[in-house]
Protein backbone atom coordinates (compact mmCIF):
# COMPACT_ATOMS: atom_id res chain seq x y z
CA GLN A 1 0.32 -0.03 0.03
CA VAL A 2 0.91 3.70 0.08
CA GLN A 3 1.74 5.63 3.17
CA LEU A 4 2.32 9.78 3.70
CA VAL A 5 4.33 10.92 6.35
CA GLU A 6 4.30 14.39 7.08
CA SER A 7 6.80 16.67 8.89
CA GLY A 8 7.51 20.25 9.60
CA GLY A 9 4.82 21.29 12.31
CA GLY A 10 5.15 23.06 15.29
CA LEU A 11 4.96 26.52 17.24
CA VAL A 12 5.96 29.76 15.64
CA GLN A 13 4.79 33.56 16.58
CA ALA A 14 2.50 35.60 14.22
CA GLY A 15 4.39 36.73 11.05
CA GLY A 16 6.92 33.74 11.53
CA SER A 17 6.99 30.80 8.82
CA LEU A 18 7.45 26.95 8.73
CA ARG A 19 7.91 24.81 5.91
CA LEU A 20 5.97 21.16 5.91
CA SER A 21 6.72 18.05 3.96
CA CYS A 22 5.17 15.02 3.36
CA ALA A 23 6.51 11.96 1.72
CA ALA A 24 4.98 9.31 0.18
CA SER A 25 5.96 5.67 -0.01
CA GLY A 26 4.84 2.18 -1.19
CA SER A 27 3.53 0.82 -4.14
CA ILE A 28 3.68 3.84 -6.48
CA SER A 29 3.15 3.77 -10.28
CA ARG A 30 2.49 7.84 -10.14
CA ILE A 31 1.11 10.72 -8.12
CA ASN A 32 -1.29 12.43 -10.23
CA ALA A 33 -2.40 15.45 -7.55
CA MET A 34 -1.13 15.97 -3.95
CA GLY A 35 -2.10 18.75 -1.30
CA TRP A 36 -2.49 19.96 2.00
CA TYR A 37 -5.66 20.34 3.81
CA ARG A 38 -6.14 21.50 7.60
CA GLN A 39 -8.78 21.17 10.08
CA ALA A 40 -9.22 23.46 13.26
CA PRO A 41 -10.97 22.52 16.65
CA GLY A 42 -14.46 22.65 15.82
CA LYS A 43 -14.23 23.27 12.31
CA GLN A 44 -14.43 21.06 9.04
CA ARG A 45 -11.44 19.96 7.17
CA GLU A 46 -10.35 22.16 4.13
CA LEU A 47 -8.19 22.30 1.49
CA VAL A 48 -5.31 24.74 1.77
CA ALA A 49 -3.51 24.33 -1.30
CA ARG A 50 -2.99 21.74 -4.06
CA ILE A 51 -0.91 20.77 -6.99
CA ARG A 52 -1.36 18.49 -9.81
CA SER A 53 1.02 16.73 -11.88
CA GLY A 54 1.59 19.23 -14.09
CA ASP A 55 2.24 21.53 -11.60
CA SER A 56 -0.90 23.61 -11.76
CA THR A 57 -1.80 24.86 -8.21
CA ASN A 58 -4.91 26.38 -6.42
CA TYR A 59 -4.93 27.98 -3.03
CA ALA A 60 -7.52 28.80 -0.20
CA ASP A 61 -8.33 32.41 -0.84
CA SER A 62 -7.15 33.08 3.02
CA VAL A 63 -3.48 31.58 2.04
CA LYS A 64 -2.74 33.45 -1.37
CA GLY A 65 0.24 35.31 -1.33
CA ARG A 66 1.32 33.75 2.19
CA PHE A 67 1.94 29.72 1.08
CA THR A 68 3.45 28.38 -1.74
CA ILE A 69 2.96 24.55 -2.42
CA SER A 70 5.57 22.47 -4.59
CA ARG A 71 6.30 18.93 -5.34
CA ASP A 72 9.58 16.89 -5.89
CA ASN A 73 8.04 14.27 -8.13
CA ALA A 74 11.72 12.41 -7.77
CA LYS A 75 11.14 12.11 -4.26
CA ASN A 76 7.32 11.98 -4.16
CA THR A 77 7.45 14.70 -1.78
CA VAL A 78 5.06 17.70 -1.39
CA TYR A 79 5.76 20.72 0.03
CA LEU A 80 3.92 23.72 1.70
CA GLN A 81 5.99 27.00 2.33
CA MET A 82 3.75 29.39 5.05
CA ASN A 83 4.64 32.67 5.35
CA SER A 84 3.28 35.78 7.07
CA LEU A 85 1.78 33.00 9.41
CA LYS A 86 -1.42 34.27 11.46
CA PRO A 87 -3.09 32.75 14.92
CA GLU A 88 -6.06 31.87 12.39
CA ASP A 89 -3.46 29.36 10.58
CA THR A 90 -3.38 27.06 13.45
CA ALA A 91 -4.58 23.69 12.76
CA VAL A 92 -3.64 20.09 12.17
CA TYR A 93 -2.40 19.95 8.56
CA TYR A 94 -2.99 16.85 6.44
CA CYS A 95 -1.31 15.84 3.37
CA ASN A 96 -3.43 14.20 0.52
CA ALA A 97 -2.60 12.31 -2.85
CA ASP A 98 -4.08 10.72 -5.41
CA VAL A 99 -2.18 7.86 -6.23
CA VAL A 100 -1.86 5.50 -9.06
CA VAL A 101 -1.29 2.29 -7.17
CA ALA A 102 1.44 0.24 -8.65
CA GLY A 103 0.35 -3.01 -10.51
CA MET A 104 -3.61 -1.95 -10.50
CA GLY A 105 -3.34 -0.40 -13.69
CA HIS A 106 -5.08 3.01 -13.88
CA TYR A 107 -6.79 2.71 -10.65
CA VAL A 108 -6.44 6.06 -8.77
CA ARG A 109 -6.82 5.89 -4.86
CA ASN A 110 -6.51 8.73 -2.57
CA TYR A 111 -4.69 8.69 0.55
CA TRP A 112 -4.11 10.71 3.81
CA GLY A 113 -1.60 11.50 6.30
CA GLN A 114 -1.78 11.43 9.71
CA GLY A 115 -1.39 15.31 10.12
CA THR A 116 1.12 17.34 12.05
CA GLN A 117 -0.01 20.32 14.27
CA VAL A 118 0.96 23.98 13.38
CA THR A 119 0.35 26.46 15.92
CA VAL A 120 0.56 30.01 15.47
CA SER A 121 1.07 32.32 18.87
CA SER A 122 -0.18 35.79 18.76
């Protein structure tokens, strides 16, 4: 199967920066799209940013101009550079990927990481 492992979360002051990483491993033929979602206490999980195989991206309006998503296809890794962090960015950040599983033809399955906590203090 496929595993997604996030890293890079932590505690930062408002205005600071963090860089999240998510590495995919396992039975991977190809990764079509990777993205980051977040869930704050008492709120629904929401899309933060997503990047497709052709490197097209989309962002939540709340993070445009502050966050940048990128990927390293050779390493099956996606990054989220977060600048000018605000207290409202505090949440658990989850990595997500649409994976063409090796040996299963064109079948695409969606996977989630375990999440990494980002806390922004005011």
